Protein backbone atom coordinates (compact mmCIF):
# COMPACT_ATOMS: atom_id res chain seq x y z
CA UNK A 1 -38.66 13.03 9.33
CA UNK A 2 -35.08 14.27 9.38
CA UNK A 3 -34.27 16.21 6.13
CA UNK A 4 -30.79 15.99 5.10
CA UNK A 5 -28.74 19.32 5.39
CA UNK A 6 -27.90 20.74 1.96
CA UNK A 7 -23.98 21.49 1.68
CA UNK A 8 -22.78 24.75 0.05
CA UNK A 9 -21.57 24.44 -3.26
CA UNK A 10 -17.92 26.16 -4.16
CA UNK A 11 -16.81 26.89 -7.74
CA UNK A 12 -13.26 27.45 -9.03
CA UNK A 13 -12.84 29.40 -12.51
CA UNK A 14 -9.50 29.14 -14.11
CA UNK A 15 -9.17 31.58 -17.39
CA UNK A 16 -6.27 29.38 -18.70
CA UNK A 17 -4.37 30.04 -21.85
CA UNK A 18 -5.48 27.30 -23.70
CA UNK A 19 -9.00 26.40 -21.89
CA UNK A 20 -11.36 27.80 -19.30
CA UNK A 21 -12.39 25.68 -16.91
CA UNK A 22 -15.10 25.69 -14.52
CA UNK A 23 -15.20 23.17 -11.01
CA UNK A 24 -18.04 23.17 -9.04
CA UNK A 25 -17.77 20.70 -5.51
CA UNK A 26 -19.60 20.37 -2.12
CA UNK A 27 -18.05 19.54 0.97
CA UNK A 28 -19.27 16.52 2.25
CA UNK A 29 -17.71 13.95 4.80
CA UNK A 30 -14.28 15.40 5.17
CA UNK A 31 -13.78 15.61 1.51
CA UNK A 32 -15.02 17.38 -1.76
CA UNK A 33 -17.31 15.86 -4.19
CA UNK A 34 -17.54 17.08 -7.86
CA UNK A 35 -20.69 18.40 -8.72
CA UNK A 36 -19.54 19.95 -12.48
CA UNK A 37 -17.01 19.99 -14.56
CA UNK A 38 -17.08 22.31 -17.47
CA UNK A 39 -14.52 23.24 -20.10
CA UNK A 40 -13.98 25.15 -23.28
CA UNK A 41 -11.39 25.37 -25.54
CA UNK A 42 -10.81 29.36 -25.98
CA UNK A 43 -7.22 29.46 -27.05
CA UNK A 44 -6.64 32.89 -25.71
CA UNK A 45 -3.01 32.89 -25.97
CA UNK A 46 -3.42 32.08 -29.72
CA UNK A 47 -4.97 35.86 -29.83
CA UNK A 48 -2.19 37.80 -28.69
CA UNK A 49 -0.42 39.70 -31.39
CA UNK A 50 3.18 40.70 -31.51
CA UNK A 51 2.65 43.39 -29.59
CA UNK A 52 0.86 41.08 -26.71
CA UNK A 53 -2.63 42.76 -27.33
CA UNK A 54 -5.33 40.34 -27.50
CA UNK A 55 -7.32 40.12 -30.37
CA UNK A 56 -11.00 41.22 -30.72
CA UNK A 57 -11.89 37.66 -31.84
CA UNK A 58 -10.11 35.74 -28.85
CA UNK A 59 -11.68 38.12 -26.32
CA UNK A 60 -15.17 36.96 -27.79
CA UNK A 61 -14.24 33.29 -27.48
CA UNK A 62 -13.43 34.17 -23.85
CA UNK A 63 -16.88 36.06 -23.29
CA UNK A 64 -18.69 33.66 -25.02
CA UNK A 65 -17.44 30.89 -22.50
CA UNK A 66 -18.20 33.11 -19.57
CA UNK A 67 -21.85 33.60 -20.39
CA UNK A 68 -21.90 30.09 -20.21
CA UNK A 69 -20.27 29.81 -16.84
CA UNK A 70 -22.26 32.79 -15.38
CA UNK A 71 -25.40 30.52 -15.20
CA UNK A 72 -23.82 28.03 -12.90
CA UNK A 73 -22.67 30.74 -10.41
CA UNK A 74 -26.23 32.18 -9.89
CA UNK A 75 -26.96 29.87 -6.90
CA UNK A 76 -23.54 29.63 -5.13
CA UNK A 77 -22.72 31.91 -2.17
CA UNK A 78 -20.06 34.55 -3.01
CA UNK A 79 -17.57 33.90 -0.77
CA UNK A 80 -17.37 30.40 -2.10
CA UNK A 81 -16.16 31.57 -5.64
CA UNK A 82 -12.81 31.91 -6.74
CA UNK A 83 -12.39 33.10 -10.34
CA UNK A 84 -8.73 33.65 -11.39
CA UNK A 85 -6.68 34.35 -14.63
CA UNK A 86 -3.08 33.25 -15.51
CA UNK A 87 -0.45 33.62 -18.40
CA UNK A 88 -2.31 35.17 -20.78
CA UNK A 89 -3.95 37.77 -18.98
CA UNK A 90 -1.03 38.66 -17.18
CA UNK A 91 0.85 39.26 -20.41
CA UNK A 92 -2.13 41.03 -22.63
CA UNK A 93 -1.60 44.74 -22.78
CA UNK A 94 -5.32 45.36 -23.44
CA UNK A 95 -6.66 43.14 -20.35
CA UNK A 96 -8.60 45.78 -18.82
CA UNK A 97 -10.67 45.90 -22.00
CA UNK A 98 -11.21 41.87 -21.56
CA UNK A 99 -11.85 42.03 -17.80
CA UNK A 100 -14.60 44.77 -17.78
CA UNK A 101 -16.69 43.21 -19.90
CA UNK A 102 -15.84 39.62 -18.41
CA UNK A 103 -16.43 41.00 -14.65
CA UNK A 104 -20.16 42.25 -16.27
CA UNK A 105 -20.71 38.74 -17.87
CA UNK A 106 -19.91 36.95 -14.55
CA UNK A 107 -21.31 39.31 -11.74
CA UNK A 108 -17.97 38.52 -9.89
CA UNK A 109 -14.79 40.31 -10.19
CA UNK A 110 -11.99 38.21 -11.97
CA UNK A 111 -8.25 38.34 -10.23
CA UNK A 112 -5.17 37.80 -12.28
CA UNK A 113 -3.05 36.28 -10.26
CA UNK A 114 0.99 36.26 -10.28
CA UNK A 115 3.14 33.34 -11.88
CA UNK A 116 4.50 32.84 -8.15
CA UNK A 117 0.98 32.61 -6.63
CA UNK A 118 -0.26 30.25 -9.67
CA UNK A 119 2.56 27.88 -8.96
CA UNK A 120 1.67 28.20 -5.36
CA UNK A 121 -2.10 27.34 -5.97
CA UNK A 122 -1.28 24.33 -8.29
CA UNK A 123 0.94 22.85 -5.50
CA UNK A 124 -1.82 22.98 -2.85
CA UNK A 125 -3.91 21.78 -5.52
CA UNK A 126 -1.20 18.80 -5.98
CA UNK A 127 -1.06 18.41 -2.23
CA UNK A 128 -4.54 17.87 -1.41
CA UNK A 129 -5.23 15.01 -4.17
CA UNK A 130 -1.93 13.18 -4.45
CA UNK A 131 -0.33 10.71 -2.20
CA UNK A 132 3.06 9.67 -1.41
CA UNK A 133 5.68 10.80 1.16
CA UNK A 134 8.74 12.86 0.68
CA UNK A 135 9.65 15.93 -1.62
CA UNK A 136 7.55 16.65 -4.95
CA UNK A 137 8.52 18.11 -8.14
CA UNK A 138 5.42 19.38 -9.70
CA UNK A 139 5.11 20.21 -13.37
CA UNK A 140 2.07 21.93 -14.92
CA UNK A 141 2.34 22.77 -18.53
CA UNK A 142 -0.11 25.34 -19.28
CA UNK A 143 -1.13 27.23 -22.61
CA UNK A 144 1.33 30.06 -22.43
CA UNK A 145 3.08 29.44 -18.87
CA UNK A 146 4.88 26.11 -17.15
CA UNK A 147 5.01 25.92 -13.54
CA UNK A 148 7.85 24.33 -11.50
CA UNK A 149 7.35 23.53 -7.97
CA UNK A 150 9.61 21.82 -5.31
CA UNK A 151 7.45 20.91 -2.21
CA UNK A 152 7.15 18.61 0.74
CA UNK A 153 3.72 18.19 2.71
CA UNK A 154 1.55 21.16 2.21
CA UNK A 155 4.74 23.78 1.89
CA UNK A 156 6.34 24.70 -1.21
CA UNK A 157 10.16 25.15 -1.19
CA UNK A 158 10.57 26.67 -4.57
CA UNK A 159 8.14 28.33 -7.04
CA UNK A 160 8.78 29.18 -10.41
CA UNK A 161 6.22 30.13 -13.43
CA UNK A 162 8.28 30.06 -16.82
CA UNK A 163 6.79 31.89 -19.96
CA UNK A 164 6.39 29.03 -22.26
CA UNK A 165 3.33 27.00 -22.85
CA UNK A 166 1.81 24.39 -25.22
CA UNK A 167 0.09 26.79 -27.27
CA UNK A 168 2.92 29.73 -27.33
CA UNK A 169 5.33 27.08 -28.27
CA UNK A 170 2.70 25.91 -30.82
CA UNK A 171 2.69 29.39 -32.69
CA UNK A 172 6.59 29.91 -32.21
CA UNK A 173 8.09 26.37 -33.41
CA UNK A 174 5.27 24.43 -34.89
CA UNK A 175 4.13 27.63 -36.79
CA UNK A 176 4.32 26.00 -40.33
CA UNK A 177 2.13 22.79 -39.06
CA UNK A 178 4.97 20.62 -39.73
CA UNK A 179 6.18 17.70 -37.42
CA UNK A 180 9.46 17.72 -38.68
CA UNK A 181 12.96 16.56 -36.43
CA UNK A 182 13.96 20.20 -36.74
CA UNK A 183 10.82 21.68 -35.59
CA UNK A 184 11.04 19.03 -32.19
CA UNK A 185 14.48 20.06 -31.92
CA UNK A 186 14.21 23.68 -31.70
CA UNK A 187 11.34 23.60 -29.66
CA UNK A 188 13.39 21.24 -27.15
CA UNK A 189 16.29 23.48 -26.97
CA UNK A 190 14.18 26.52 -26.58
CA UNK A 191 12.79 24.66 -23.58
CA UNK A 192 15.92 23.95 -22.24
CA UNK A 193 17.14 27.90 -22.44
CA UNK A 194 14.03 28.77 -20.61
CA UNK A 195 14.56 25.94 -17.61
CA UNK A 196 18.42 26.86 -17.71
CA UNK A 197 18.20 29.74 -14.95
CA UNK A 198 16.44 27.41 -12.17
CA UNK A 199 18.64 24.38 -13.01
CA UNK A 200 20.95 24.49 -10.25
CA UNK A 201 18.64 25.89 -7.71
CA UNK A 202 16.47 22.84 -8.41
CA UNK A 203 18.87 20.24 -8.73
CA UNK A 204 20.63 21.50 -5.13
CA UNK A 205 17.26 21.07 -3.40
CA UNK A 206 16.37 17.99 -5.07
CA UNK A 207 13.26 15.77 -4.96
CA UNK A 208 11.92 12.13 -4.45
CA UNK A 209 9.24 12.04 -6.55
CA UNK A 210 7.73 14.18 -10.13
CA UNK A 211 4.37 14.43 -10.65
CA UNK A 212 2.78 16.22 -13.80
CA UNK A 213 -0.44 18.40 -13.09
CA UNK A 214 -1.44 19.61 -16.51
CA UNK A 215 -3.59 18.74 -19.93
CA UNK A 216 -0.12 17.67 -21.57
CA UNK A 217 0.61 15.03 -18.73
CA UNK A 218 -2.96 13.66 -18.58
CA UNK A 219 -3.21 13.25 -22.39
CA UNK A 220 0.21 11.28 -22.31
CA UNK A 221 -1.11 9.03 -19.18
CA UNK A 222 -4.45 8.36 -21.58
CA UNK A 223 -2.30 7.99 -24.83
CA UNK A 224 -0.08 5.26 -22.74
CA UNK A 225 -3.02 3.41 -21.59
CA UNK A 226 -4.38 3.12 -24.50
CA UNK A 227 -1.86 1.60 -26.01
CA UNK A 228 -1.13 -1.01 -23.29
CA UNK A 229 1.45 0.71 -21.06
CA UNK A 230 1.55 1.55 -17.69
CA UNK A 231 0.55 4.90 -16.31
CA UNK A 232 4.20 5.85 -15.31
CA UNK A 233 5.71 8.58 -17.69
CA UNK A 234 9.56 8.04 -18.76
CA UNK A 235 11.83 9.54 -21.13
CA UNK A 236 11.84 6.32 -23.22
CA UNK A 237 8.08 6.71 -23.63
CA UNK A 238 8.25 10.44 -24.45
CA UNK A 239 10.81 9.72 -27.10
CA UNK A 240 8.51 7.18 -28.51
CA UNK A 241 5.46 9.16 -28.75
CA UNK A 242 7.75 11.90 -30.48
CA UNK A 243 8.51 9.44 -33.29
CA UNK A 244 4.83 8.56 -33.19
CA UNK A 245 3.95 12.09 -33.95
CA UNK A 246 6.41 12.31 -36.78
CA UNK A 247 5.07 9.90 -38.98
CA UNK A 248 2.41 12.73 -39.85
CA UNK A 249 3.97 15.18 -42.05
CA UNK A 250 1.14 17.84 -40.87
CA UNK A 251 -0.30 18.71 -37.65
CA UNK A 252 -3.61 18.26 -39.32
CA UNK A 253 -2.93 14.77 -39.95
CA UNK A 254 -1.87 13.77 -36.41
CA UNK A 255 -3.25 10.55 -35.36
CA UNK A 256 -1.91 8.67 -32.26
CA UNK A 257 -3.97 6.00 -30.32
CA UNK A 258 -5.52 7.45 -27.22
CA UNK A 259 -4.85 11.05 -28.13
CA UNK A 260 -8.30 13.27 -28.70
CA UNK A 261 -8.75 15.34 -31.87
CA UNK A 262 -9.36 18.39 -28.83
CA UNK A 263 -5.80 17.93 -27.59
CA UNK A 264 -3.88 16.86 -30.78
CA UNK A 265 -3.38 20.50 -31.96
CA UNK A 266 -1.17 21.36 -29.05
CA UNK A 267 0.38 17.88 -28.16
CA UNK A 268 3.53 18.16 -30.03
CA UNK A 269 4.55 21.38 -28.48
CA UNK A 270 3.49 20.30 -24.78
CA UNK A 271 5.55 17.07 -25.32
CA UNK A 272 8.52 18.94 -26.65
CA UNK A 273 8.46 21.08 -23.62
CA UNK A 274 8.12 17.85 -21.37
CA UNK A 275 10.92 16.07 -23.09
CA UNK A 276 13.09 19.20 -22.29
CA UNK A 277 12.32 19.22 -18.54
CA UNK A 278 13.11 15.47 -18.44
CA UNK A 279 16.43 15.72 -19.89
CA UNK A 280 17.32 19.00 -18.57
CA UNK A 281 16.40 17.99 -14.53
CA UNK A 282 17.41 14.19 -15.57
CA UNK A 283 13.95 12.66 -14.36
CA UNK A 284 13.50 9.17 -14.07
CA UNK A 285 9.65 8.96 -14.01
CA UNK A 286 6.66 10.92 -13.72
CA UNK A 287 3.14 10.05 -12.74
CA UNK A 288 -0.17 12.56 -12.80
CA UNK A 289 -1.15 14.37 -10.05
CA UNK A 290 -4.79 14.43 -9.02
CA UNK A 291 -5.58 17.93 -8.99
CA UNK A 292 -3.82 21.17 -9.73
CA UNK A 293 -4.82 24.94 -9.96
CA UNK A 294 -8.72 24.88 -9.75
CA UNK A 295 -8.60 21.97 -6.73
CA UNK A 296 -6.19 24.40 -4.87
CA UNK A 297 -8.57 27.26 -5.34
CA UNK A 298 -11.33 25.02 -3.90
CA UNK A 299 -9.23 23.75 -1.09
CA UNK A 300 -8.09 27.14 0.11
CA UNK A 301 -12.15 27.98 0.23
CA UNK A 302 -12.86 24.62 2.27
CA UNK A 303 -11.85 24.63 5.86
CA UNK A 304 -10.59 21.66 7.86
CA UNK A 305 -9.19 19.95 4.94
CA UNK A 306 -5.64 20.29 5.72
CA UNK A 307 -4.57 16.61 6.87
CA UNK A 308 -1.10 15.63 5.95
CA UNK A 309 -2.09 11.82 5.05
CA UNK A 310 -4.03 12.64 2.55
CA UNK A 311 -5.15 8.92 1.64
CA UNK A 312 -6.14 8.50 5.49
CA UNK A 313 -8.56 11.23 4.81
CA UNK A 314 -9.65 9.64 1.50
CA UNK A 315 -10.45 6.50 3.27
CA UNK A 316 -12.09 8.14 6.27
CA UNK A 317 -14.38 10.18 3.80
CA UNK A 318 -15.28 6.83 1.74
CA UNK A 319 -16.01 4.97 4.65
CA UNK A 320 -18.14 7.63 6.62
CA UNK A 321 -20.25 7.91 2.94
CA UNK A 322 -20.62 4.33 2.36
CA UNK A 323 -21.41 3.51 6.08
CA UNK A 324 -18.28 0.85 6.53
CA UNK A 325 -18.26 -1.10 9.49
CA UNK A 326 -14.93 1.19 10.47
CA UNK A 327 -14.22 -1.01 13.62
CA UNK A 328 -14.07 -4.52 11.68
CA UNK A 329 -12.21 -2.57 8.55
CA UNK A 330 -9.37 -1.72 11.22
CA UNK A 331 -9.51 -5.42 12.52
CA UNK A 332 -9.06 -6.54 8.94
CA UNK A 333 -6.22 -4.30 8.10
CA UNK A 334 -4.44 -4.94 11.35
CA UNK A 335 -4.49 -8.98 10.48
CA UNK A 336 -3.50 -8.21 7.12
CA UNK A 337 -0.43 -6.16 8.37
CA UNK A 338 0.84 -8.56 10.91
CA UNK A 339 0.32 -11.51 8.17
CA UNK A 340 2.36 -9.48 5.74
CA UNK A 341 4.99 -9.04 8.67
CA UNK A 342 5.25 -12.62 9.60
CA UNK A 343 5.92 -13.30 5.88
CA UNK A 344 8.72 -11.08 5.77
CA UNK A 345 7.26 -7.37 5.04
CA UNK A 346 9.16 -5.82 2.68
CA UNK A 347 11.43 -8.64 1.50
CA UNK A 348 8.18 -10.24 0.44
CA UNK A 349 6.09 -7.36 -1.17
CA UNK A 350 9.23 -5.26 -2.32
CA UNK A 351 7.25 -2.31 -3.44
CA UNK A 352 6.47 0.30 -0.83
CA UNK A 353 3.15 0.97 -2.28
CA UNK A 354 2.46 -2.72 -1.73
CA UNK A 355 1.56 -2.53 1.91
CA UNK A 356 -0.45 0.89 1.76
CA UNK A 357 -2.55 -0.86 -1.15
CA UNK A 358 -3.07 -4.04 1.20
CA UNK A 359 -4.16 -1.72 4.14
CA UNK A 360 -6.54 0.52 1.76
CA UNK A 361 -8.21 -2.54 0.18
CA UNK A 362 -9.07 -4.25 3.66
CA UNK A 363 -10.26 -0.98 4.78
CA UNK A 364 -12.53 -0.52 1.75
CA UNK A 365 -13.40 -4.26 0.39
CA UNK A 366 -16.74 -3.83 2.12
CA UNK A 367 -17.86 -0.97 0.32
CA UNK A 368 -19.92 -3.15 -1.98
CA UNK A 369 -22.60 -4.27 0.54
CA UNK A 370 -23.95 -0.61 0.65
CA UNK A 371 -25.23 -1.81 -2.44
CA UNK A 372 -26.27 -5.59 -1.99
CA UNK A 373 -24.56 -8.51 -0.53
CA UNK A 374 -24.78 -11.25 -3.35
CA UNK A 375 -22.76 -9.40 -5.74
CA UNK A 376 -20.87 -7.43 -2.98
CA UNK A 377 -17.47 -8.07 -4.57
CA UNK A 378 -18.80 -6.61 -7.99
CA UNK A 379 -20.28 -3.58 -6.66
CA UNK A 380 -16.97 -3.08 -4.60
CA UNK A 381 -15.07 -3.29 -7.55
CA UNK A 382 -17.19 -0.87 -9.59
CA UNK A 383 -17.44 1.58 -6.61
CA UNK A 384 -13.54 1.84 -6.16
CA UNK A 385 -12.80 1.89 -10.00
CA UNK A 386 -15.15 5.05 -10.53
CA UNK A 387 -14.89 7.11 -7.16
CA UNK A 388 -12.69 10.04 -6.77
CA UNK A 389 -10.04 8.75 -4.47
CA UNK A 390 -7.15 11.44 -3.88
CA UNK A 391 -3.92 10.02 -2.94
CA UNK A 392 -4.47 7.20 -5.34
CA UNK A 393 -3.40 7.19 -9.13
CA UNK A 394 -5.42 5.34 -11.50
CA UNK A 395 -3.65 2.19 -11.74
CA UNK A 396 -3.82 2.10 -8.06
CA UNK A 397 -7.79 2.61 -7.94
CA UNK A 398 -7.82 -0.26 -10.69
CA UNK A 399 -5.97 -2.70 -8.47
CA UNK A 400 -8.01 -1.83 -5.40
CA UNK A 401 -11.21 -2.60 -7.39
CA UNK A 402 -9.91 -6.05 -8.43
CA UNK A 403 -8.88 -6.97 -5.13
CA UNK A 404 -12.28 -5.96 -3.72
CA UNK A 405 -13.63 -8.02 -6.27
CA UNK A 406 -11.99 -11.28 -5.00
CA UNK A 407 -12.18 -10.72 -1.22
CA UNK A 408 -14.08 -13.59 -0.62
CA UNK A 409 -15.66 -16.83 -2.22
CA UNK A 410 -14.55 -17.34 -5.92
CA UNK A 411 -10.95 -16.95 -6.47
CA UNK A 412 -9.28 -15.63 -9.81
CA UNK A 413 -6.08 -14.84 -10.87
CA UNK A 414 -5.73 -10.67 -11.05
CA UNK A 415 -5.85 -9.04 -14.67
CA UNK A 416 -2.90 -7.56 -16.04
CA UNK A 417 -2.53 -4.15 -13.94
CA UNK A 418 0.18 -1.55 -13.55
CA UNK A 419 0.39 -0.55 -9.77
CA UNK A 420 2.53 -3.57 -8.52
CA UNK A 421 4.49 -6.26 -9.85
CA UNK A 422 2.29 -9.66 -10.77
CA UNK A 423 3.87 -11.31 -7.79
CA UNK A 424 3.21 -8.35 -5.24
CA UNK A 425 -0.42 -8.08 -6.75
CA UNK A 426 -1.07 -11.65 -5.86
CA UNK A 427 0.51 -11.77 -2.88
CA UNK A 428 -1.59 -8.96 -1.56
CA UNK A 429 -4.74 -10.47 -2.79
CA UNK A 430 -3.85 -13.59 -0.81
CA UNK A 431 -3.17 -11.90 2.32
CA UNK A 432 -6.30 -10.00 1.93
CA UNK A 433 -8.42 -13.12 1.36
CA UNK A 434 -7.10 -14.53 4.60
CA UNK A 435 -7.49 -11.54 7.01
CA UNK A 436 -11.07 -11.36 5.70
CA UNK A 437 -11.82 -15.13 6.40
CA UNK A 438 -9.84 -15.01 10.02
CA UNK A 439 -11.92 -12.07 10.90
CA UNK A 440 -15.58 -13.07 10.19
CA UNK A 441 -16.71 -12.98 13.68
CA UNK A 442 -15.90 -9.22 13.68
CA UNK A 443 -14.12 -8.93 17.12
CA UNK A 444 -10.48 -8.79 17.69
CA UNK A 445 -11.06 -10.77 20.98
CA UNK A 446 -12.74 -13.70 18.95
CA UNK A 447 -9.64 -13.91 16.46
CA UNK A 448 -7.49 -16.91 16.27
CA UNK A 449 -4.01 -16.92 17.25
CA UNK A 450 -2.20 -17.62 13.73
CA UNK A 451 1.15 -17.71 12.28
CA UNK A 452 1.85 -17.32 8.37
CA UNK A 453 5.51 -18.38 7.11
CA UNK A 454 6.15 -18.07 3.38
CA UNK A 455 8.91 -19.37 1.32
CA UNK A 456 8.48 -17.63 -2.09
CA UNK A 457 4.97 -18.44 -3.06
CA UNK A 458 4.61 -21.36 -0.84
CA UNK A 459 2.42 -20.22 2.27
CA UNK A 460 1.77 -22.18 5.51
CA UNK A 461 -0.80 -21.02 7.87
CA UNK A 462 -0.49 -22.15 11.72
CA UNK A 463 -3.63 -21.84 13.51
CA UNK A 464 -5.02 -22.80 17.06
CA UNK A 465 -6.47 -26.45 16.92
CA UNK A 466 -8.76 -25.63 19.82
CA UNK A 467 -9.97 -22.43 17.96
CA UNK A 468 -10.76 -24.69 14.49
CA UNK A 469 -12.66 -27.04 16.65
CA UNK A 470 -14.75 -24.37 18.01
CA UNK A 471 -15.38 -22.72 14.84
CA UNK A 472 -15.88 -25.61 12.54
CA UNK A 473 -17.53 -23.42 9.45
CA UNK A 474 -14.11 -21.25 9.49
CA UNK A 475 -12.29 -24.74 9.74
CA UNK A 476 -14.21 -25.83 6.24
CA UNK A 477 -13.66 -22.70 4.93
CA UNK A 478 -10.12 -22.63 5.46
CA UNK A 479 -9.56 -25.84 3.84
CA UNK A 480 -11.60 -24.60 1.04
CA UNK A 481 -9.32 -21.55 0.52
CA UNK A 482 -6.32 -23.83 0.77
CA UNK A 483 -7.50 -25.86 -1.96
CA UNK A 484 -8.67 -22.57 -4.21
CA UNK A 485 -5.58 -20.72 -3.75
CA UNK A 486 -3.33 -24.20 -4.54
CA UNK A 487 -5.34 -25.21 -7.45
CA UNK A 488 -4.28 -21.80 -9.54
CA UNK A 489 -0.70 -22.14 -8.43
CA UNK A 490 -0.47 -20.36 -4.93
CA UNK A 491 0.20 -23.31 -2.71
CA UNK A 492 -1.44 -22.86 0.63
CA UNK A 493 -1.40 -25.38 3.79
CA UNK A 494 -3.06 -25.10 7.11
CA UNK A 495 -1.48 -26.53 9.89
CA UNK A 496 -3.17 -26.97 13.44
CA UNK A 497 -0.95 -26.25 16.29
């Protein structure tokens, strides 16, 4: 009997100014699989005094945390471990005292990286885990520093690390724990002053999309989803959340639906910095990146993962891991793309991500068959909702899951989703179902010649009469599908030609 080869583990530890994080992964099927995520709120930056010396209490909190991390490092090869310190350890005047004991506890040396190196590593983490083409503006608000990067593909064009963060801004502008308009205004104004020196350079370079890679942005997205908003962060939503925060007089009384107690203390200060960034750089919208510093450290260690199309890498990895029939998946994807083109392409599904999500759903819709055929759609939905899918946002994963749930047999309307407009989501699902139905013989040579015409949401499928006569089961299924789509208000007619 062949035994599976054990994949080596990799560990990245980030000694941040607010929290210490440890990420353990293994390299499998062309992607990294998370094996453990460990986080402890250390609030190192809060331990800096007026002379930038770390207090004994703050150092002890850090050492206690690293004693826990040390256990997980014992069985990982030394060359597969990266441990870095960031803004607070760059600033602390007595950093050597902290590092001496910390290195003994871990058994490995901690590398205190520069602000520019931190920004570069953050960008690598974003580039390896986030989809989309064009130039990106990446924003990462940490405990004591904020990194802003502009890059394209895997290459950064501008790297900046600024001395402001959610912990330092808490101590500086919300020290009295009052959530007043004055405190917010002062925090936002101070952040704008800090940002001002880079404004001209960043505006001149420009960007196509903006992504956030920090605890602050993640907390914001969780709040918005909990309150029924979509996942896209806008200035209007940030100001709405500021108003919600100001309903409480004191930080200790802060209660916002979707905000965890763990994050509440530094939420107003992080929110203030993000509002300043949106206003000064005139940002329209922002989404959450799939990774940041820790992921960047991991991807630097793992060879062979640099691929410009992150989504293509993700699809290949999932197909291999779940033994999906790749040739058939490609056939369904090609036919779905052909049907979309016949319907008018971008004129019929306006959002550019619509075509991407149609192709992805086509290539992964059978993932649930690895568990069971009878409830294949349900299994597919569960897996796509819960898998790490670098290159796809949370809302896009949810849409893919709901489309895969409905790829065959019973048809129902899609639930509310925020990846596409309701109309586009419906149209993607209709094309997916037709492409699956028309390719059931799983061979391009046996696929019928078809033409699909669209007049708004009225579809007419023209199909070769002789093929239908030779494939009576598919002919009957097409008739059933036409009735199903028409019955829920999506008119579909089948015409023999």
